[in-house]
N, C-alpha and C. Protein backbone atom coordinates (compact mmCIF):
# COMPACT_ATOMS: atom_id res chain seq x y z
N MET A 1 -7.47 -14.16 32.79
CA MET A 1 -6.82 -12.84 33.67
C MET A 1 -7.82 -12.78 34.48
N PRO A 2 -7.44 -12.28 35.84
CA PRO A 2 -8.16 -11.55 36.77
C PRO A 2 -8.85 -10.20 36.39
N ASN A 3 -10.52 -10.18 36.85
CA ASN A 3 -11.27 -9.12 36.49
C ASN A 3 -11.05 -8.12 37.70
N THR A 4 -11.39 -8.62 38.79
CA THR A 4 -11.11 -7.62 40.36
C THR A 4 -10.17 -7.36 40.75
N LYS A 5 -9.78 -6.32 42.08
CA LYS A 5 -8.83 -6.02 42.02
C LYS A 5 -8.28 -6.95 43.11
N SER A 6 -8.99 -7.88 44.24
CA SER A 6 -8.50 -8.72 44.90
C SER A 6 -8.15 -10.18 44.08
N ALA A 7 -8.72 -10.05 43.00
CA ALA A 7 -8.39 -11.43 42.15
C ALA A 7 -6.57 -11.00 41.58
N ILE A 8 -6.57 -9.95 41.20
CA ILE A 8 -4.95 -9.13 40.80
C ILE A 8 -4.50 -9.61 41.87
N ARG A 9 -4.65 -8.84 43.15
CA ARG A 9 -3.50 -9.44 44.49
C ARG A 9 -3.28 -10.61 44.73
N ARG A 10 -4.25 -11.56 44.45
CA ARG A 10 -4.47 -12.74 44.67
C ARG A 10 -3.28 -13.30 43.81
N VAL A 11 -3.22 -13.17 42.39
CA VAL A 11 -2.36 -13.49 41.72
C VAL A 11 -0.88 -13.42 41.72
N ARG A 12 -0.63 -12.32 42.48
CA ARG A 12 0.53 -11.41 42.67
C ARG A 12 0.93 -12.63 44.08
N ARG A 13 0.01 -12.70 45.09
CA ARG A 13 0.41 -13.52 45.91
C ARG A 13 0.50 -14.71 46.07
N VAL A 14 -0.02 -15.31 45.00
CA VAL A 14 0.15 -16.78 44.36
C VAL A 14 1.53 -17.00 43.74
N LYS A 15 2.07 -15.84 42.92
CA LYS A 15 3.42 -16.17 42.27
C LYS A 15 4.28 -16.19 43.08
N LYS A 16 4.52 -15.49 44.48
CA LYS A 16 5.41 -15.49 45.33
C LYS A 16 5.46 -16.64 46.43
N GLN A 17 4.16 -16.95 46.50
CA GLN A 17 3.93 -18.54 47.26
C GLN A 17 4.35 -19.45 46.86
N THR A 18 4.25 -19.48 45.20
CA THR A 18 4.95 -20.46 44.19
C THR A 18 6.55 -20.57 44.54
N GLN A 19 6.89 -19.55 44.37
CA GLN A 19 8.16 -19.40 44.70
C GLN A 19 8.74 -20.06 45.63
N VAL A 20 7.98 -19.63 47.12
CA VAL A 20 8.67 -19.88 48.35
C VAL A 20 8.58 -21.68 48.07
N ASN A 21 7.52 -22.01 47.70
CA ASN A 21 7.36 -23.58 47.43
C ASN A 21 8.37 -24.27 46.89
N ARG A 22 8.55 -23.54 45.65
CA ARG A 22 9.67 -24.40 45.19
C ARG A 22 10.73 -24.26 45.72
N ILE A 23 11.35 -23.25 46.57
CA ILE A 23 12.64 -23.17 47.19
C ILE A 23 12.54 -24.63 48.29
N ARG A 24 11.17 -24.63 49.37
CA ARG A 24 11.35 -25.37 49.96
C ARG A 24 11.23 -26.93 49.45
N LYS A 25 10.46 -27.24 48.37
CA LYS A 25 10.46 -28.54 47.90
C LYS A 25 12.32 -28.71 47.04
N SER A 26 13.10 -27.97 46.79
CA SER A 26 14.12 -28.20 46.31
C SER A 26 15.11 -28.44 47.77
N LYS A 27 14.86 -27.80 48.89
CA LYS A 27 15.63 -28.14 50.08
C LYS A 27 15.32 -29.40 50.37
N TYR A 28 14.05 -29.77 50.25
CA TYR A 28 13.78 -31.27 50.99
C TYR A 28 14.55 -32.34 49.57
N LYS A 29 14.32 -32.16 48.63
CA LYS A 29 15.01 -33.15 47.60
C LYS A 29 16.41 -32.92 47.99
N ASN A 30 16.97 -31.87 48.02
CA ASN A 30 18.59 -31.72 48.34
C ASN A 30 18.99 -32.61 49.63
N ALA A 31 17.99 -32.55 50.52
CA ALA A 31 18.60 -33.06 51.97
C ALA A 31 18.32 -34.71 51.56
N VAL A 32 17.30 -34.92 51.08
CA VAL A 32 17.00 -36.59 50.60
C VAL A 32 18.23 -36.96 49.86
N LYS A 33 18.70 -36.45 48.81
CA LYS A 33 19.64 -36.68 47.96
C LYS A 33 20.91 -36.80 48.73
N THR A 34 21.16 -36.07 49.69
CA THR A 34 23.00 -36.08 50.35
C THR A 34 22.42 -37.27 51.10
N MET A 35 21.38 -37.41 52.23
CA MET A 35 21.76 -38.62 52.89
C MET A 35 21.79 -39.84 52.28
N GLU A 36 21.30 -39.81 50.92
CA GLU A 36 20.99 -41.36 50.35
C GLU A 36 22.63 -41.05 49.69
N GLN A 37 23.33 -40.36 49.53
CA GLN A 37 24.68 -40.17 48.50
C GLN A 37 25.46 -41.16 50.13
N LEU A 38 25.25 -39.94 51.19
CA LEU A 38 26.21 -40.68 52.28
C LEU A 38 26.34 -41.88 52.46
N LEU A 39 25.00 -42.48 52.75
CA LEU A 39 24.99 -43.98 52.95
C LEU A 39 25.50 -44.80 51.88
N LYS A 40 25.29 -44.70 51.08
CA LYS A 40 25.62 -45.01 49.62
C LYS A 40 27.25 -44.96 49.64
N GLY A 41 27.85 -44.19 50.06
CA GLY A 41 29.33 -43.96 50.34
C GLY A 41 29.85 -44.61 51.68
N LYS A 42 28.62 -45.43 52.22
CA LYS A 42 29.44 -45.91 53.66
C LYS A 42 30.17 -44.61 54.51
N GLU A 43 29.55 -43.65 54.30
CA GLU A 43 29.71 -42.48 55.44
C GLU A 43 29.00 -42.67 56.18
N THR A 44 28.89 -43.44 57.50
CA THR A 44 27.72 -43.31 58.21
C THR A 44 27.98 -42.31 59.39
N GLU A 45 29.25 -41.78 59.58
CA GLU A 45 29.54 -41.20 60.87
C GLU A 45 28.97 -39.73 60.47
N LYS A 46 29.16 -39.30 58.97
CA LYS A 46 29.03 -38.05 58.35
C LYS A 46 27.48 -37.98 58.60
N ALA A 47 26.81 -39.15 58.18
CA ALA A 47 25.24 -39.48 57.97
C ALA A 47 24.65 -38.84 59.13
N LYS A 48 25.43 -39.61 60.27
CA LYS A 48 25.17 -39.40 61.73
C LYS A 48 24.82 -38.14 62.46
N LYS A 49 26.01 -37.25 61.83
CA LYS A 49 26.32 -35.79 62.16
C LYS A 49 25.03 -34.83 61.65
N ASN A 50 25.07 -35.24 60.31
CA ASN A 50 23.73 -34.91 59.31
C ASN A 50 22.34 -34.83 59.62
N PHE A 51 21.84 -36.22 60.20
CA PHE A 51 21.05 -36.77 60.44
C PHE A 51 20.05 -35.72 60.84
N SER A 52 19.99 -34.99 62.04
CA SER A 52 19.25 -34.24 63.00
C SER A 52 18.85 -33.22 61.92
N LYS A 53 19.69 -32.41 60.88
CA LYS A 53 19.74 -31.23 60.19
C LYS A 53 18.56 -31.84 59.09
N PHE A 54 18.72 -32.97 58.72
CA PHE A 54 17.78 -33.89 57.61
C PHE A 54 16.21 -34.15 58.42
N GLN A 55 16.21 -34.35 59.51
CA GLN A 55 15.11 -34.63 59.98
C GLN A 55 14.46 -33.31 60.44
N SER A 56 15.39 -32.39 60.95
CA SER A 56 14.66 -30.91 60.67
C SER A 56 14.15 -30.23 59.34
N ILE A 57 14.94 -30.26 58.21
CA ILE A 57 14.36 -30.06 57.34
C ILE A 57 13.33 -30.43 56.72
N LEU A 58 13.18 -32.18 56.69
CA LEU A 58 11.95 -32.82 56.44
C LEU A 58 10.47 -32.39 57.29
N MET A 59 10.91 -32.07 58.43
CA MET A 59 9.43 -31.89 59.63
C MET A 59 9.19 -30.21 58.72
N GLN A 60 10.04 -29.49 58.67
CA GLN A 60 9.63 -28.01 58.24
C GLN A 60 9.24 -28.19 56.97
N VAL A 61 9.08 -28.92 56.08
CA VAL A 61 8.53 -28.83 54.65
C VAL A 61 7.10 -29.60 54.89
N ALA A 62 7.21 -30.47 55.69
CA ALA A 62 5.74 -31.01 55.96
C ALA A 62 4.90 -30.24 56.87
N LYS A 63 5.52 -29.51 57.86
CA LYS A 63 4.51 -28.63 58.36
C LYS A 63 4.05 -27.74 57.65
N SER A 64 4.74 -27.02 56.35
CA SER A 64 4.55 -26.31 55.63
C SER A 64 3.41 -26.89 54.58
N GLY A 65 3.35 -28.10 54.36
CA GLY A 65 2.58 -28.74 53.64
C GLY A 65 2.99 -29.09 52.44
N ILE A 66 4.31 -29.19 52.08
CA ILE A 66 4.77 -29.39 50.87
C ILE A 66 5.02 -31.19 50.49
N ILE A 67 5.30 -31.26 51.43
CA ILE A 67 4.81 -33.26 51.67
C ILE A 67 4.14 -33.57 52.77
N ASN A 68 3.30 -34.49 52.58
CA ASN A 68 2.79 -34.95 53.69
C ASN A 68 3.60 -35.48 54.86
N ARG A 69 2.59 -34.95 56.30
CA ARG A 69 3.84 -35.68 57.33
C ARG A 69 4.16 -36.90 57.63
N ASN A 70 3.26 -38.12 57.05
CA ASN A 70 3.58 -39.30 56.98
C ASN A 70 4.67 -39.62 55.95
N THR A 71 4.76 -38.80 54.61
CA THR A 71 5.85 -39.09 53.78
C THR A 71 7.15 -38.71 54.59
N ALA A 72 7.10 -37.62 55.20
CA ALA A 72 8.21 -37.32 55.99
C ALA A 72 8.80 -37.99 56.94
N ALA A 73 7.70 -38.38 57.78
CA ALA A 73 7.94 -39.45 59.06
C ALA A 73 8.42 -40.76 58.29
N ARG A 74 7.89 -41.43 57.30
CA ARG A 74 8.36 -42.36 56.62
C ARG A 74 9.89 -42.36 55.90
N LYS A 75 10.28 -41.24 55.44
CA LYS A 75 11.56 -41.25 54.89
C LYS A 75 12.52 -40.96 56.10
N ILE A 76 11.98 -40.50 57.08
CA ILE A 76 13.36 -40.15 58.18
C ILE A 76 13.36 -41.38 59.23
N SER A 77 12.35 -42.51 58.94
CA SER A 77 12.28 -43.72 59.66
C SER A 77 13.44 -44.72 58.58
N ARG A 78 13.18 -44.82 57.46
CA ARG A 78 13.97 -45.50 56.79
C ARG A 78 15.27 -44.80 56.73
N ILE A 79 15.61 -43.81 56.48
CA ILE A 79 17.07 -43.19 56.64
C ILE A 79 17.56 -43.64 58.16
N SER A 80 16.87 -43.39 59.11
CA SER A 80 17.29 -43.57 60.51
C SER A 80 18.03 -45.09 60.44
N LYS A 81 17.04 -46.17 60.10
CA LYS A 81 17.09 -47.40 60.12
C LYS A 81 18.37 -47.66 59.51
N LYS A 82 18.86 -47.46 58.24
CA LYS A 82 19.71 -47.13 57.43
C LYS A 82 21.13 -46.71 58.09
N ILE A 83 21.04 -45.92 58.98
CA ILE A 83 22.37 -45.57 59.36
C ILE A 83 22.47 -46.04 60.80
N TYR A 84 21.42 -46.52 61.70
CA TYR A 84 21.92 -46.87 63.10
C TYR A 84 21.62 -48.59 62.95
N SER A 85 21.21 -49.17 61.76
CA SER A 85 21.34 -50.64 61.91
C SER A 85 22.57 -50.87 61.65
N LYS A 86 23.61 -50.41 61.27
CA LYS A 86 24.89 -50.84 60.79
C LYS A 86 25.92 -50.65 61.99
């Protein structure tokens, strides 16, 4: 249990931030899953349309520190390769 006033405030702040981080992480995971499903289902046109949104979501999540920037770049690169190499 927090003893000082500032520690109590900090606990409150961390709880809110944890919720925000969870939302961001699930948004990231959903974006990756959707792109993978589109590519698995041979829907490259849909994947091309959604690619910019996918890229945007990954960069936002990387910027906020939920995932590493290199991880985001790698995921984007690999998905891009799958879309545009066909």
